[in-house]
Amino acid sequence: MYLLSESILIAIINKFSVANGKILMLVPPVILIRWFLVSSVRGFLYYLCRMKYFLAFLSSFCLLIACNHSNEAIKQRIADSDSVAINYFKGDGTIDTVAAVKIIRDKKKIEQLAALISSETIESKPNCGYDGSLHFFKIDKVTQDIDFRLNNDQCRYFSFMQQGKIQSTVLSNEAKELINSFRK
């Protein structure tokens, strides 16, 4: 039955594919018709197999874009702050003792800190602890709280809430130097 249907369709397509000496572009419909009539199950499985690789590539690409985006929303929110309070903890990862508190009102330093915080996103590390916290203010209201860990080379990051999820970004050597310079 399939061969008869295929031969009839091919004859019809051949009859109408040459008109006035010009070949019409009917190749894609021929391929689709043959695919559906002759080997629908095999063709469908082949199509799924090829789509699997395409979907895997597409989802990997989207994941890469989503994971490595710069945090423009957090950068804007903290760059618009008029002051930042920095709590320095004991330095061993525990948050039970605040050793020092510094208030920064210099807009350039706040913008510099914002640029460093909104750098590359990394996976959160909940077991590392924290060495301090940053509290950004605008007109006497907290706009963002950010915790940081800087005294452990395997666990150097900023951690904060963004869109209801805990996000972490790289704490670079430059960020470490800047935060330590505020303490002096």
N, C-alpha and C. Protein backbone atom coordinates (compact mmCIF):
# COMPACT_ATOMS: atom_id res chain seq x y z
N MET A 1 0.82 -1.20 0.00
CA MET A 1 0.00 0.00 0.00
C MET A 1 0.86 1.26 0.00
N TYR A 2 1.94 1.23 0.84
CA TYR A 2 2.80 2.39 0.88
C TYR A 2 3.50 2.62 -0.45
N LEU A 3 3.94 1.54 -1.12
CA LEU A 3 4.64 1.69 -2.39
C LEU A 3 3.73 2.25 -3.47
N LEU A 4 2.48 1.83 -3.48
CA LEU A 4 1.52 2.35 -4.46
C LEU A 4 1.28 3.84 -4.21
N SER A 5 1.10 4.20 -2.97
CA SER A 5 0.88 5.61 -2.64
C SER A 5 2.10 6.45 -2.99
N GLU A 6 3.27 5.88 -2.71
CA GLU A 6 4.49 6.61 -3.00
C GLU A 6 4.66 6.79 -4.51
N SER A 7 4.41 5.74 -5.28
CA SER A 7 4.59 5.84 -6.73
C SER A 7 3.58 6.81 -7.34
N ILE A 8 2.35 6.83 -6.84
CA ILE A 8 1.35 7.78 -7.34
C ILE A 8 1.79 9.21 -7.02
N LEU A 9 2.26 9.44 -5.79
CA LEU A 9 2.69 10.79 -5.41
C LEU A 9 3.89 11.23 -6.23
N ILE A 10 4.83 10.33 -6.47
CA ILE A 10 6.01 10.69 -7.26
C ILE A 10 5.60 11.02 -8.69
N ALA A 11 4.65 10.24 -9.26
CA ALA A 11 4.18 10.53 -10.62
C ALA A 11 3.50 11.89 -10.68
N ILE A 12 2.69 12.20 -9.69
CA ILE A 12 2.01 13.51 -9.67
C ILE A 12 3.04 14.63 -9.53
N ILE A 13 4.00 14.44 -8.64
CA ILE A 13 5.02 15.47 -8.44
C ILE A 13 5.87 15.64 -9.69
N ASN A 14 6.24 14.52 -10.35
CA ASN A 14 7.02 14.60 -11.58
C ASN A 14 6.25 15.32 -12.67
N LYS A 15 4.95 15.09 -12.75
CA LYS A 15 4.13 15.73 -13.78
C LYS A 15 4.09 17.24 -13.57
N PHE A 16 4.00 17.67 -12.30
CA PHE A 16 3.87 19.11 -12.03
C PHE A 16 5.20 19.79 -11.70
N SER A 17 6.27 19.02 -11.57
CA SER A 17 7.53 19.65 -11.19
C SER A 17 8.26 20.29 -12.37
N VAL A 18 7.94 19.86 -13.59
CA VAL A 18 8.53 20.48 -14.76
C VAL A 18 7.42 21.24 -15.47
N ALA A 19 7.49 22.54 -15.41
CA ALA A 19 6.48 23.37 -16.05
C ALA A 19 7.21 24.38 -16.93
N ASN A 20 6.92 24.34 -18.22
CA ASN A 20 7.54 25.24 -19.19
C ASN A 20 9.07 25.14 -19.17
N GLY A 21 9.59 23.96 -18.96
CA GLY A 21 11.04 23.77 -18.98
C GLY A 21 11.75 24.19 -17.71
N LYS A 22 11.02 24.64 -16.71
CA LYS A 22 11.63 25.08 -15.44
C LYS A 22 11.27 24.07 -14.35
N ILE A 23 12.23 23.70 -13.58
CA ILE A 23 11.98 22.76 -12.49
C ILE A 23 11.56 23.57 -11.27
N LEU A 24 10.41 23.23 -10.73
CA LEU A 24 9.92 23.91 -9.53
C LEU A 24 10.63 23.34 -8.30
N MET A 25 10.72 24.10 -7.27
CA MET A 25 11.39 23.68 -6.05
C MET A 25 10.43 22.89 -5.18
N LEU A 26 10.25 21.62 -5.52
CA LEU A 26 9.37 20.76 -4.76
C LEU A 26 10.12 19.68 -4.00
N VAL A 27 11.40 19.84 -3.83
CA VAL A 27 12.19 18.81 -3.16
C VAL A 27 11.78 18.65 -1.69
N PRO A 28 11.68 19.71 -0.92
CA PRO A 28 11.31 19.50 0.48
C PRO A 28 9.97 18.79 0.66
N PRO A 29 8.89 19.13 -0.09
CA PRO A 29 7.66 18.37 0.09
C PRO A 29 7.81 16.91 -0.28
N VAL A 30 8.61 16.61 -1.31
CA VAL A 30 8.83 15.21 -1.71
C VAL A 30 9.49 14.46 -0.57
N ILE A 31 10.49 15.06 0.03
CA ILE A 31 11.19 14.41 1.13
C ILE A 31 10.24 14.18 2.29
N LEU A 32 9.45 15.17 2.62
CA LEU A 32 8.51 15.02 3.73
C LEU A 32 7.45 13.96 3.43
N ILE A 33 6.90 13.97 2.21
CA ILE A 33 5.88 12.98 1.86
C ILE A 33 6.47 11.58 1.91
N ARG A 34 7.64 11.41 1.35
CA ARG A 34 8.27 10.09 1.37
C ARG A 34 8.57 9.67 2.79
N TRP A 35 9.01 10.60 3.60
CA TRP A 35 9.32 10.29 5.00
C TRP A 35 8.08 9.80 5.73
N PHE A 36 6.96 10.48 5.56
CA PHE A 36 5.73 10.08 6.23
C PHE A 36 5.16 8.78 5.68
N LEU A 37 5.21 8.56 4.35
CA LEU A 37 4.57 7.39 3.77
C LEU A 37 5.40 6.13 3.86
N VAL A 38 6.67 6.21 3.57
CA VAL A 38 7.48 5.02 3.44
C VAL A 38 8.03 4.57 4.79
N SER A 39 8.59 5.45 5.52
CA SER A 39 9.26 5.03 6.75
C SER A 39 8.86 5.93 7.90
N SER A 40 7.60 6.00 8.16
CA SER A 40 7.13 6.94 9.16
C SER A 40 7.70 6.63 10.54
N VAL A 41 7.72 5.39 10.96
CA VAL A 41 8.23 5.06 12.28
C VAL A 41 9.74 5.25 12.32
N ARG A 42 10.44 4.67 11.32
CA ARG A 42 11.90 4.80 11.27
C ARG A 42 12.30 6.27 11.10
N GLY A 43 11.60 6.99 10.23
CA GLY A 43 11.89 8.40 10.02
C GLY A 43 11.63 9.23 11.25
N PHE A 44 10.56 8.90 11.94
CA PHE A 44 10.23 9.63 13.16
C PHE A 44 11.30 9.41 14.23
N LEU A 45 11.76 8.16 14.36
CA LEU A 45 12.81 7.87 15.33
C LEU A 45 14.12 8.56 14.95
N TYR A 46 14.44 8.58 13.66
CA TYR A 46 15.63 9.29 13.19
C TYR A 46 15.51 10.78 13.49
N TYR A 47 14.33 11.34 13.23
CA TYR A 47 14.08 12.75 13.50
C TYR A 47 14.25 13.05 15.00
N LEU A 48 13.71 12.19 15.85
CA LEU A 48 13.84 12.39 17.29
C LEU A 48 15.30 12.32 17.72
N CYS A 49 16.03 11.38 17.14
CA CYS A 49 17.44 11.25 17.48
C CYS A 49 18.21 12.51 17.10
N ARG A 50 17.96 13.02 15.92
CA ARG A 50 18.63 14.25 15.49
C ARG A 50 18.18 15.43 16.33
N MET A 51 16.91 15.50 16.67
CA MET A 51 16.39 16.59 17.49
C MET A 51 16.97 16.52 18.90
N LYS A 52 17.23 15.32 19.38
CA LYS A 52 17.80 15.16 20.71
C LYS A 52 19.13 15.91 20.80
N TYR A 53 19.97 15.75 19.79
CA TYR A 53 21.26 16.43 19.80
C TYR A 53 21.09 17.93 19.66
N PHE A 54 20.15 18.34 18.83
CA PHE A 54 19.90 19.77 18.66
C PHE A 54 19.37 20.37 19.95
N LEU A 55 18.42 19.70 20.59
CA LEU A 55 17.85 20.21 21.85
C LEU A 55 18.91 20.21 22.95
N ALA A 56 19.77 19.21 22.97
CA ALA A 56 20.84 19.19 23.96
C ALA A 56 21.79 20.37 23.75
N PHE A 57 22.13 20.64 22.51
CA PHE A 57 22.98 21.79 22.19
C PHE A 57 22.29 23.09 22.58
N LEU A 58 21.03 23.23 22.22
CA LEU A 58 20.28 24.45 22.50
C LEU A 58 20.14 24.69 24.00
N SER A 59 19.82 23.65 24.75
CA SER A 59 19.67 23.82 26.19
C SER A 59 21.02 24.11 26.86
N SER A 60 22.10 23.50 26.37
CA SER A 60 23.43 23.81 26.91
C SER A 60 23.81 25.26 26.64
N PHE A 61 23.50 25.72 25.46
CA PHE A 61 23.79 27.11 25.10
C PHE A 61 23.02 28.07 26.00
N CYS A 62 21.73 27.80 26.20
CA CYS A 62 20.90 28.65 27.06
C CYS A 62 21.40 28.62 28.50
N LEU A 63 21.80 27.45 28.96
CA LEU A 63 22.32 27.32 30.32
C LEU A 63 23.61 28.11 30.49
N LEU A 64 24.47 28.07 29.49
CA LEU A 64 25.71 28.84 29.54
C LEU A 64 25.43 30.33 29.62
N ILE A 65 24.50 30.77 28.81
CA ILE A 65 24.15 32.19 28.82
C ILE A 65 23.56 32.58 30.16
N ALA A 66 22.70 31.74 30.71
CA ALA A 66 22.05 32.05 31.98
C ALA A 66 23.03 32.04 33.14
N CYS A 67 23.97 31.12 33.14
CA CYS A 67 24.88 30.99 34.26
C CYS A 67 26.01 32.00 34.25
N ASN A 68 26.43 32.44 33.12
CA ASN A 68 27.57 33.33 33.04
C ASN A 68 27.18 34.78 32.77
N HIS A 69 25.97 35.12 33.05
CA HIS A 69 25.56 36.50 32.82
C HIS A 69 26.10 37.37 33.94
N SER A 70 26.35 38.61 33.63
CA SER A 70 26.74 39.52 34.69
C SER A 70 25.46 39.94 35.40
N ASN A 71 25.58 40.24 36.63
CA ASN A 71 24.41 40.55 37.46
C ASN A 71 24.11 42.04 37.39
N GLU A 72 23.55 42.46 36.26
CA GLU A 72 23.27 43.88 36.05
C GLU A 72 22.24 44.42 37.04
N ALA A 73 21.26 43.61 37.42
CA ALA A 73 20.23 44.08 38.35
C ALA A 73 20.84 44.39 39.72
N ILE A 74 21.68 43.51 40.21
CA ILE A 74 22.31 43.74 41.51
C ILE A 74 23.28 44.91 41.42
N LYS A 75 23.99 45.00 40.31
CA LYS A 75 24.95 46.08 40.12
C LYS A 75 24.23 47.43 40.18
N GLN A 76 23.11 47.53 39.48
CA GLN A 76 22.37 48.80 39.45
C GLN A 76 21.82 49.14 40.84
N ARG A 77 21.29 48.12 41.53
CA ARG A 77 20.69 48.36 42.85
C ARG A 77 21.73 48.85 43.85
N ILE A 78 22.92 48.23 43.84
CA ILE A 78 23.91 48.64 44.84
C ILE A 78 24.70 49.87 44.39
N ALA A 79 24.82 50.10 43.10
CA ALA A 79 25.52 51.30 42.63
C ALA A 79 24.70 52.55 42.93
N ASP A 80 23.37 52.41 43.01
CA ASP A 80 22.51 53.54 43.33
C ASP A 80 22.47 53.85 44.83
N SER A 81 23.14 53.06 45.63
CA SER A 81 23.15 53.27 47.08
C SER A 81 23.93 54.52 47.43
N ASP A 82 23.57 55.11 48.55
CA ASP A 82 24.32 56.29 48.99
C ASP A 82 25.32 55.98 50.10
N SER A 83 25.22 54.77 50.69
CA SER A 83 26.20 54.35 51.69
C SER A 83 26.19 52.84 51.82
N VAL A 84 27.27 52.33 52.39
CA VAL A 84 27.38 50.89 52.64
C VAL A 84 28.02 50.70 54.02
N ALA A 85 27.42 49.79 54.80
CA ALA A 85 27.98 49.42 56.09
C ALA A 85 28.64 48.06 55.92
N ILE A 86 29.90 47.96 56.34
CA ILE A 86 30.64 46.71 56.21
C ILE A 86 30.88 46.15 57.61
N ASN A 87 30.37 44.96 57.84
CA ASN A 87 30.62 44.24 59.10
C ASN A 87 31.74 43.25 58.84
N TYR A 88 32.80 43.34 59.62
CA TYR A 88 33.90 42.39 59.53
C TYR A 88 33.75 41.41 60.69
N PHE A 89 33.62 40.12 60.35
CA PHE A 89 33.50 39.09 61.38
C PHE A 89 34.88 38.67 61.85
N LYS A 90 34.90 37.69 62.72
CA LYS A 90 36.14 37.21 63.31
C LYS A 90 37.18 36.81 62.27
N GLY A 91 36.75 36.28 61.12
CA GLY A 91 37.69 35.92 60.05
C GLY A 91 37.91 34.44 59.89
N ASP A 92 37.19 33.64 60.68
CA ASP A 92 37.35 32.19 60.56
C ASP A 92 36.13 31.52 59.91
N GLY A 93 35.25 32.31 59.34
CA GLY A 93 34.07 31.77 58.66
C GLY A 93 32.81 31.79 59.50
N THR A 94 32.95 32.00 60.81
CA THR A 94 31.76 32.06 61.67
C THR A 94 31.23 33.49 61.70
N ILE A 95 29.93 33.60 61.91
CA ILE A 95 29.33 34.95 61.89
C ILE A 95 28.87 35.39 63.27
N ASP A 96 29.40 34.77 64.32
CA ASP A 96 28.92 35.09 65.67
C ASP A 96 29.55 36.33 66.28
N THR A 97 30.69 36.78 65.77
CA THR A 97 31.37 37.92 66.37
C THR A 97 31.69 38.96 65.31
N VAL A 98 31.17 40.18 65.51
CA VAL A 98 31.51 41.28 64.61
C VAL A 98 32.72 41.98 65.22
N ALA A 99 33.84 41.94 64.49
CA ALA A 99 35.09 42.52 64.99
C ALA A 99 35.19 44.01 64.69
N ALA A 100 34.60 44.46 63.57
CA ALA A 100 34.67 45.87 63.19
C ALA A 100 33.52 46.20 62.26
N VAL A 101 33.12 47.47 62.28
CA VAL A 101 32.08 47.98 61.38
C VAL A 101 32.61 49.26 60.75
N LYS A 102 32.51 49.35 59.43
CA LYS A 102 32.94 50.55 58.72
C LYS A 102 31.79 51.03 57.84
N ILE A 103 31.61 52.34 57.77
CA ILE A 103 30.59 52.97 56.93
C ILE A 103 31.32 53.69 55.79
N ILE A 104 30.90 53.42 54.57
CA ILE A 104 31.49 54.05 53.38
C ILE A 104 30.41 54.90 52.73
N ARG A 105 30.74 56.18 52.50
CA ARG A 105 29.79 57.08 51.83
C ARG A 105 30.32 57.63 50.51
N ASP A 106 31.53 57.25 50.16
CA ASP A 106 32.16 57.71 48.92
C ASP A 106 31.52 56.98 47.73
N LYS A 107 30.83 57.75 46.87
CA LYS A 107 30.08 57.16 45.74
C LYS A 107 30.99 56.39 44.78
N LYS A 108 32.20 56.88 44.54
CA LYS A 108 33.12 56.19 43.64
C LYS A 108 33.51 54.82 44.19
N LYS A 109 33.77 54.74 45.49
CA LYS A 109 34.13 53.46 46.09
C LYS A 109 32.94 52.50 46.09
N ILE A 110 31.74 53.02 46.28
CA ILE A 110 30.54 52.18 46.23
C ILE A 110 30.35 51.62 44.82
N GLU A 111 30.54 52.45 43.80
CA GLU A 111 30.41 51.99 42.41
C GLU A 111 31.51 50.97 42.07
N GLN A 112 32.71 51.20 42.59
CA GLN A 112 33.80 50.25 42.35
C GLN A 112 33.47 48.90 43.00
N LEU A 113 32.95 48.94 44.21
CA LEU A 113 32.55 47.72 44.90
C LEU A 113 31.41 47.02 44.16
N ALA A 114 30.45 47.79 43.65
CA ALA A 114 29.32 47.23 42.90
C ALA A 114 29.81 46.50 41.65
N ALA A 115 30.77 47.07 40.96
CA ALA A 115 31.30 46.43 39.75
C ALA A 115 32.00 45.12 40.09
N LEU A 116 32.69 45.08 41.22
CA LEU A 116 33.39 43.86 41.61
C LEU A 116 32.42 42.77 42.08
N ILE A 117 31.35 43.18 42.73
CA ILE A 117 30.36 42.21 43.22
C ILE A 117 29.58 41.60 42.07
N SER A 118 29.30 42.37 41.05
CA SER A 118 28.45 41.87 39.96
C SER A 118 29.24 41.17 38.87
N SER A 119 30.41 40.67 39.21
CA SER A 119 31.21 39.96 38.22
C SER A 119 30.65 38.56 37.95
N GLU A 120 31.48 37.65 37.58
CA GLU A 120 31.08 36.30 37.15
C GLU A 120 30.31 35.53 38.23
N THR A 121 29.19 34.95 37.83
CA THR A 121 28.37 34.13 38.72
C THR A 121 29.02 32.76 38.90
N ILE A 122 28.99 32.27 40.14
CA ILE A 122 29.51 30.93 40.43
C ILE A 122 28.47 30.15 41.23
N GLU A 123 28.72 28.88 41.44
CA GLU A 123 27.82 28.04 42.23
C GLU A 123 27.97 28.40 43.71
N SER A 124 26.85 28.42 44.42
CA SER A 124 26.87 28.75 45.85
C SER A 124 27.62 27.67 46.63
N LYS A 125 28.28 28.11 47.70
CA LYS A 125 29.04 27.20 48.56
C LYS A 125 28.56 27.40 50.00
N PRO A 126 27.51 26.71 50.40
CA PRO A 126 26.90 26.98 51.70
C PRO A 126 27.74 26.57 52.91
N ASN A 127 28.70 25.69 52.78
CA ASN A 127 29.47 25.21 53.93
C ASN A 127 30.73 26.01 54.20
N CYS A 128 30.96 27.07 53.46
CA CYS A 128 32.21 27.82 53.60
C CYS A 128 32.18 28.85 54.73
N GLY A 129 31.02 29.35 55.08
CA GLY A 129 30.93 30.38 56.11
C GLY A 129 31.13 31.76 55.51
N TYR A 130 31.24 32.76 56.40
CA TYR A 130 31.38 34.15 55.95
C TYR A 130 32.40 34.88 56.80
N ASP A 131 33.08 35.84 56.18
CA ASP A 131 34.03 36.68 56.89
C ASP A 131 33.49 38.08 57.12
N GLY A 132 32.33 38.37 56.55
CA GLY A 132 31.75 39.69 56.74
C GLY A 132 30.48 39.86 55.94
N SER A 133 29.90 41.04 56.08
CA SER A 133 28.67 41.33 55.34
C SER A 133 28.68 42.80 54.91
N LEU A 134 28.03 43.04 53.79
CA LEU A 134 27.88 44.39 53.25
C LEU A 134 26.39 44.72 53.28
N HIS A 135 26.07 45.91 53.75
CA HIS A 135 24.67 46.34 53.80
C HIS A 135 24.58 47.68 53.08
N PHE A 136 23.94 47.67 51.90
CA PHE A 136 23.83 48.86 51.08
C PHE A 136 22.57 49.62 51.44
N PHE A 137 22.71 50.96 51.59
CA PHE A 137 21.60 51.81 52.00
C PHE A 137 21.32 52.87 50.95
N LYS A 138 20.07 53.23 50.85
CA LYS A 138 19.65 54.39 50.07
C LYS A 138 18.56 55.10 50.86
N ILE A 139 18.82 56.33 51.21
CA ILE A 139 17.92 57.14 52.03
C ILE A 139 17.51 56.36 53.29
N ASP A 140 18.51 55.91 54.03
CA ASP A 140 18.34 55.23 55.32
C ASP A 140 17.55 53.93 55.26
N LYS A 141 17.42 53.31 54.09
CA LYS A 141 16.78 52.00 53.96
C LYS A 141 17.75 51.03 53.31
N VAL A 142 17.77 49.81 53.82
CA VAL A 142 18.65 48.79 53.26
C VAL A 142 18.10 48.38 51.89
N THR A 143 18.95 48.47 50.87
CA THR A 143 18.54 48.05 49.52
C THR A 143 19.06 46.66 49.18
N GLN A 144 20.18 46.26 49.81
CA GLN A 144 20.74 44.94 49.53
C GLN A 144 21.68 44.52 50.64
N ASP A 145 21.58 43.26 51.06
CA ASP A 145 22.53 42.65 51.99
C ASP A 145 23.36 41.63 51.22
N ILE A 146 24.67 41.67 51.41
CA ILE A 146 25.57 40.76 50.72
C ILE A 146 26.58 40.23 51.73
N ASP A 147 26.72 38.92 51.80
CA ASP A 147 27.73 38.30 52.65
C ASP A 147 28.95 38.00 51.81
N PHE A 148 30.12 37.95 52.45
CA PHE A 148 31.33 37.62 51.70
C PHE A 148 32.24 36.72 52.50
N ARG A 149 33.02 35.95 51.76
CA ARG A 149 34.06 35.09 52.33
C ARG A 149 35.33 35.40 51.56
N LEU A 150 36.38 35.85 52.27
CA LEU A 150 37.60 36.23 51.57
C LEU A 150 38.87 35.63 52.15
N ASN A 151 38.83 35.01 53.32
CA ASN A 151 40.05 34.50 53.94
C ASN A 151 40.35 33.03 53.63
N ASN A 152 39.59 32.41 52.75
CA ASN A 152 39.82 31.02 52.36
C ASN A 152 39.88 30.98 50.84
N ASP A 153 41.03 30.60 50.29
CA ASP A 153 41.21 30.62 48.83
C ASP A 153 40.26 29.69 48.09
N GLN A 154 39.82 28.58 48.71
CA GLN A 154 38.87 27.68 48.06
C GLN A 154 37.44 28.21 48.14
N CYS A 155 37.19 29.14 49.02
CA CYS A 155 35.84 29.68 49.23
C CYS A 155 35.89 31.20 49.25
N ARG A 156 36.13 31.81 48.11
CA ARG A 156 36.13 33.28 48.04
C ARG A 156 34.99 33.70 47.14
N TYR A 157 33.97 34.31 47.74
CA TYR A 157 32.78 34.67 46.97
C TYR A 157 31.94 35.70 47.72
N PHE A 158 31.05 36.32 46.97
CA PHE A 158 29.98 37.15 47.52
C PHE A 158 28.71 36.32 47.43
N SER A 159 27.82 36.44 48.40
CA SER A 159 26.56 35.70 48.38
C SER A 159 25.42 36.66 48.71
N PHE A 160 24.33 36.57 47.94
CA PHE A 160 23.21 37.49 48.12
C PHE A 160 21.93 36.90 47.55
N MET A 161 20.80 37.46 47.93
CA MET A 161 19.50 37.05 47.39
C MET A 161 19.20 37.90 46.17
N GLN A 162 18.79 37.21 45.09
CA GLN A 162 18.39 37.90 43.88
C GLN A 162 17.25 37.11 43.25
N GLN A 163 16.13 37.75 43.04
CA GLN A 163 14.93 37.13 42.46
C GLN A 163 14.52 35.89 43.25
N GLY A 164 14.61 35.96 44.57
CA GLY A 164 14.17 34.88 45.44
C GLY A 164 15.13 33.71 45.55
N LYS A 165 16.33 33.81 44.97
CA LYS A 165 17.31 32.72 45.03
C LYS A 165 18.64 33.26 45.54
N ILE A 166 19.37 32.38 46.21
CA ILE A 166 20.72 32.76 46.66
C ILE A 166 21.65 32.68 45.45
N GLN A 167 22.34 33.78 45.20
CA GLN A 167 23.30 33.86 44.09
C GLN A 167 24.69 34.09 44.68
N SER A 168 25.69 33.63 43.98
CA SER A 168 27.07 33.85 44.40
C SER A 168 27.88 34.34 43.21
N THR A 169 28.80 35.25 43.50
CA THR A 169 29.71 35.74 42.47
C THR A 169 31.14 35.64 42.99
N VAL A 170 32.06 35.67 42.07
CA VAL A 170 33.49 35.55 42.39
C VAL A 170 33.94 36.76 43.21
N LEU A 171 34.71 36.50 44.24
CA LEU A 171 35.37 37.56 45.00
C LEU A 171 36.82 37.55 44.54
N SER A 172 37.16 38.49 43.68
CA SER A 172 38.49 38.54 43.07
C SER A 172 39.53 39.09 44.06
N ASN A 173 40.79 39.00 43.66
CA ASN A 173 41.87 39.57 44.48
C ASN A 173 41.68 41.07 44.65
N GLU A 174 41.22 41.74 43.59
CA GLU A 174 40.97 43.18 43.64
C GLU A 174 39.87 43.50 44.65
N ALA A 175 38.82 42.69 44.66
CA ALA A 175 37.73 42.90 45.62
C ALA A 175 38.22 42.67 47.05
N LYS A 176 39.04 41.64 47.23
CA LYS A 176 39.59 41.36 48.55
C LYS A 176 40.43 42.54 49.05
N GLU A 177 41.28 43.07 48.18
CA GLU A 177 42.12 44.22 48.55
C GLU A 177 41.27 45.44 48.90
N LEU A 178 40.21 45.67 48.09
CA LEU A 178 39.34 46.83 48.35
C LEU A 178 38.63 46.68 49.69
N ILE A 179 38.05 45.52 49.96
CA ILE A 179 37.35 45.31 51.24
C ILE A 179 38.31 45.42 52.42
N ASN A 180 39.51 44.87 52.27
CA ASN A 180 40.48 44.97 53.36
C ASN A 180 40.97 46.41 53.54
N SER A 181 41.02 47.20 52.46
CA SER A 181 41.47 48.59 52.57
C SER A 181 40.45 49.44 53.34
N PHE A 182 39.17 49.09 53.25
CA PHE A 182 38.15 49.83 54.00
C PHE A 182 38.31 49.62 55.51
N ARG A 183 38.84 48.48 55.89
CA ARG A 183 38.96 48.13 57.32
C ARG A 183 40.02 48.97 58.02
N LYS A 184 41.02 49.45 57.27
CA LYS A 184 42.15 50.18 57.86
C LYS A 184 41.77 51.58 58.26
